[in-house]
Amino acid sequence: MTESNRLPVLAAGINTEHYECVAAMRQSLAHALAAGDLLVEAKSLVPHGQWLPWLADNCAISKRTAQLYMRLAKHREFIETKCADVALLTLQTAVELIDRKPTLSERLDDIEAAIVRLEAELANASACRKQLDRVTAALLIYEHGGMFAAARKLTDTTAALRERLDLICEETDLRVIERISPLMNRVLSVGVDVNSLCLVNGDALLTDSGS
């Protein structure tokens, strides 16, 4: 084979190895997330103060690698929210994503998403109260806990924005600024709805226990 004929073969080999490398890098994030989930669960089961010895004795990874996997797993929801297809992310890209500070617009998007989720949970709770008796509905709402988890998410997301008011001062896009007031009004409104439902449910349970 002459030198000129060899070049196409080399090019094909280079491309093949490159594609395989990219595929492996993308798969690495899925494996890292899965390992992180397992590590988080294991740490919750290991007695206090024994985590690092247990890790060293039972897992073939360093402390830093374990911390990275767990950090990625704990930010899984954020990673999945910010990327339409997690399979397209490399491990390094995911790390850069969670390290990057969200913009004001992105924080407002997160608040809006949390509002929508809580509104959906409130609608489910309302439907539950229409279909069941007051006490059963109240118990089911409290035991399910979806509304309260959604309310905590909204509270945490809104509080995170309040801690970064400097972002508002630095924002130059008026369209982003104009989103703040309507969103905060929705936050207050949905908060009132949650409080009202809690009072109604609490009253139903107290009435039942007193009867």
Protein backbone atom coordinates (compact mmCIF):
# COMPACT_ATOMS: atom_id res chain seq x y z
CA MET A 1 0.00 0.00 0.00
CA THR A 2 1.42 3.35 -1.01
CA GLU A 3 1.63 6.28 1.38
CA SER A 4 -1.27 8.08 -0.33
CA ASN A 5 -3.48 4.97 -0.07
CA ARG A 6 -2.66 4.63 3.61
CA LEU A 7 -3.95 8.09 4.50
CA PRO A 8 -7.70 7.34 3.98
CA VAL A 9 -7.29 4.25 6.18
CA LEU A 10 -5.64 6.33 8.87
CA ALA A 11 -8.35 9.01 8.62
CA ALA A 12 -11.07 6.37 9.00
CA GLY A 13 -9.29 4.91 12.02
CA ILE A 14 -8.85 8.32 13.62
CA ASN A 15 -12.54 9.14 13.15
CA THR A 16 -13.63 5.79 14.55
CA GLU A 17 -11.49 6.15 17.64
CA HIS A 18 -12.67 9.73 18.12
CA TYR A 19 -16.34 8.73 17.93
CA GLU A 20 -15.73 5.89 20.38
CA CYS A 21 -13.97 8.30 22.72
CA VAL A 22 -16.85 10.79 22.60
CA ALA A 23 -19.39 7.99 23.19
CA ALA A 24 -17.41 6.73 26.19
CA MET A 25 -17.18 10.24 27.64
CA ARG A 26 -20.93 10.66 27.34
CA GLN A 27 -21.62 7.30 28.95
CA SER A 28 -19.27 8.20 31.79
CA LEU A 29 -21.76 10.75 33.17
CA ALA A 30 -24.55 8.17 33.35
CA HIS A 31 -22.23 5.81 35.22
CA ALA A 32 -21.01 8.61 37.49
CA LEU A 33 -24.59 9.56 38.39
CA ALA A 34 -25.46 5.94 39.10
CA ALA A 35 -22.35 5.51 41.24
CA GLY A 36 -23.18 8.75 43.05
CA ASP A 37 -26.66 7.51 43.92
CA LEU A 38 -25.19 4.32 45.37
CA LEU A 39 -22.54 6.24 47.30
CA VAL A 40 -25.12 8.59 48.81
CA GLU A 41 -27.20 5.61 49.94
CA ALA A 42 -24.15 3.80 51.32
CA LYS A 43 -23.03 6.85 53.28
CA SER A 44 -26.46 7.09 54.89
CA LEU A 45 -26.10 3.50 56.13
CA VAL A 46 -22.50 3.62 57.39
CA PRO A 47 -22.14 4.55 61.09
CA HIS A 48 -21.03 8.11 61.81
CA GLY A 49 -17.27 8.54 61.50
CA GLN A 50 -16.81 5.31 59.55
CA TRP A 51 -17.55 6.55 56.05
CA LEU A 52 -14.00 7.12 54.79
CA PRO A 53 -12.63 3.85 56.26
CA TRP A 54 -15.57 1.97 54.75
CA LEU A 55 -14.99 3.64 51.39
CA ALA A 56 -11.27 2.78 51.42
CA ASP A 57 -11.92 -0.85 52.40
CA ASN A 58 -14.79 -1.56 50.02
CA CYS A 59 -14.59 0.70 46.97
CA ALA A 60 -11.84 1.03 44.37
CA ILE A 61 -12.17 4.82 44.09
CA SER A 62 -10.52 7.72 45.87
CA LYS A 63 -12.25 10.03 48.34
CA ARG A 64 -12.19 12.86 45.80
CA THR A 65 -13.76 10.73 43.07
CA ALA A 66 -16.47 9.58 45.47
CA GLN A 67 -17.16 13.20 46.41
CA LEU A 68 -17.43 14.13 42.74
CA TYR A 69 -19.87 11.30 41.98
CA MET A 70 -22.01 12.17 45.01
CA ARG A 71 -22.01 15.85 44.11
CA LEU A 72 -23.18 15.09 40.60
CA ALA A 73 -25.89 12.76 41.90
CA LYS A 74 -27.14 15.39 44.35
CA HIS A 75 -27.40 17.87 41.47
CA ARG A 76 -29.08 15.38 39.12
CA GLU A 77 -32.34 17.34 39.02
CA PHE A 78 -30.50 20.57 38.18
CA ILE A 79 -28.43 18.85 35.48
CA GLU A 80 -31.51 17.26 33.91
CA THR A 81 -33.40 20.57 34.06
CA LYS A 82 -30.63 22.48 32.31
CA CYS A 83 -29.96 19.90 29.60
CA ALA A 84 -32.60 18.49 27.26
CA ASP A 85 -30.60 15.27 26.82
CA VAL A 86 -28.25 14.31 29.65
CA ALA A 87 -26.75 11.63 27.41
CA LEU A 88 -25.16 14.43 25.38
CA LEU A 89 -23.25 15.76 28.39
CA THR A 90 -19.73 14.70 29.22
CA LEU A 91 -18.62 14.35 32.82
CA GLN A 92 -16.56 17.53 32.61
CA THR A 93 -19.44 19.48 31.04
CA ALA A 94 -21.76 18.40 33.85
CA VAL A 95 -19.23 19.55 36.45
CA GLU A 96 -18.90 22.91 34.71
CA LEU A 97 -22.69 23.17 34.56
CA ILE A 98 -23.22 22.78 38.31
CA ASP A 99 -20.24 25.02 39.07
CA ARG A 100 -21.53 27.83 36.88
CA LYS A 101 -23.59 30.42 38.72
CA PRO A 102 -27.13 30.63 37.28
CA THR A 103 -28.17 33.91 35.72
CA LEU A 104 -31.14 35.95 36.92
CA SER A 105 -33.20 34.69 34.00
CA GLU A 106 -32.39 31.08 34.87
CA ARG A 107 -33.26 31.65 38.55
CA LEU A 108 -36.61 33.11 37.49
CA ASP A 109 -37.17 30.08 35.24
CA ASP A 110 -36.53 27.83 38.26
CA ILE A 111 -39.02 29.79 40.37
CA GLU A 112 -41.64 29.59 37.63
CA ALA A 113 -41.12 25.84 37.31
CA ALA A 114 -41.48 25.45 41.09
CA ILE A 115 -44.70 27.48 41.03
CA VAL A 116 -46.15 25.31 38.26
CA ARG A 117 -45.30 22.16 40.21
CA LEU A 118 -46.89 23.49 43.39
CA GLU A 119 -49.98 24.64 41.52
CA ALA A 120 -50.34 21.13 40.10
CA GLU A 121 -50.03 19.62 43.60
CA LEU A 122 -52.65 22.05 44.91
CA ALA A 123 -54.99 21.06 42.07
CA ASN A 124 -54.50 17.39 42.97
CA ALA A 125 -55.22 18.16 46.63
CA SER A 126 -58.35 20.08 45.68
CA ALA A 127 -59.57 17.18 43.54
CA CYS A 128 -58.86 14.81 46.41
CA ARG A 129 -61.00 16.88 48.77
CA LYS A 130 -63.90 16.85 46.28
CA GLN A 131 -63.81 13.08 45.83
CA LEU A 132 -63.26 11.97 49.46
CA ASP A 133 -64.60 12.88 52.86
CA ARG A 134 -62.79 15.71 54.68
CA VAL A 135 -60.80 13.57 57.09
CA THR A 136 -59.70 10.94 54.56
CA ALA A 137 -58.71 13.66 52.09
CA ALA A 138 -56.72 15.53 54.75
CA LEU A 139 -54.88 12.38 55.83
CA LEU A 140 -54.11 11.45 52.22
CA ILE A 141 -52.77 14.93 51.44
CA TYR A 142 -50.52 14.94 54.50
CA GLU A 143 -49.30 11.37 54.01
CA HIS A 144 -48.57 11.87 50.31
CA GLY A 145 -46.58 15.00 51.05
CA GLY A 146 -46.25 16.12 47.43
CA MET A 147 -47.68 19.55 48.14
CA PHE A 148 -45.28 20.14 51.01
CA ALA A 149 -42.26 18.98 49.04
CA ALA A 150 -43.26 21.32 46.21
CA ALA A 151 -43.78 24.17 48.68
CA ARG A 152 -40.32 23.63 50.17
CA LYS A 153 -38.80 23.62 46.69
CA LEU A 154 -40.47 26.93 45.87
CA THR A 155 -39.39 28.44 49.21
CA ASP A 156 -35.78 27.35 48.73
CA THR A 157 -35.65 28.57 45.12
CA THR A 158 -37.13 31.96 45.99
CA ALA A 159 -34.83 32.33 49.00
CA ALA A 160 -31.82 31.63 46.77
CA LEU A 161 -32.80 34.58 44.58
CA ARG A 162 -33.23 36.87 47.60
CA GLU A 163 -29.65 36.06 48.57
CA ARG A 164 -28.48 37.27 45.14
CA LEU A 165 -30.21 40.61 44.79
CA ASP A 166 -27.02 41.85 43.17
CA LEU A 167 -28.09 39.93 40.07
CA ILE A 168 -31.10 42.23 39.74
CA CYS A 169 -28.92 45.33 39.99
CA GLU A 170 -26.57 43.95 37.34
CA GLU A 171 -29.29 42.81 34.91
CA THR A 172 -29.49 44.94 31.76
CA ASP A 173 -32.37 43.17 30.00
CA LEU A 174 -35.61 44.94 30.97
CA ARG A 175 -37.68 41.93 29.89
CA VAL A 176 -35.99 39.86 32.57
CA ILE A 177 -36.53 42.56 35.21
CA GLU A 178 -40.22 42.80 34.27
CA ARG A 179 -40.69 39.10 35.04
CA ILE A 180 -39.83 39.54 38.72
CA SER A 181 -42.95 41.29 40.01
CA PRO A 182 -45.53 38.96 38.38
CA LEU A 183 -43.59 35.91 39.55
CA MET A 184 -43.36 37.18 43.13
CA ASN A 185 -47.11 37.84 43.07
CA ARG A 186 -47.66 34.24 42.00
CA VAL A 187 -45.38 33.06 44.78
CA LEU A 188 -47.47 34.99 47.34
CA SER A 189 -50.74 33.77 45.83
CA VAL A 190 -49.78 30.12 45.81
CA GLY A 191 -48.41 30.50 49.34
CA VAL A 192 -51.82 31.76 50.50
CA ASP A 193 -53.47 28.77 48.81
CA VAL A 194 -51.14 26.36 50.62
CA ASN A 195 -51.78 28.01 53.98
CA SER A 196 -55.55 27.95 53.40
CA LEU A 197 -55.51 24.27 52.49
CA CYS A 198 -53.37 23.44 55.52
CA LEU A 199 -55.83 25.27 57.79
CA VAL A 200 -58.79 23.45 56.28
CA ASN A 201 -57.07 20.07 56.53
CA GLY A 202 -55.94 20.78 60.08
CA ASP A 203 -59.46 21.76 61.08
CA ALA A 204 -60.82 18.53 59.59
CA LEU A 205 -58.33 16.41 61.53
CA LEU A 206 -58.89 18.32 64.79
CA THR A 207 -62.66 18.03 64.44
CA ASP A 208 -62.35 14.29 63.81
CA SER A 209 -60.05 13.73 66.79
CA GLY A 210 -62.38 15.70 69.06
CA SER A 211 -65.50 13.84 68.04
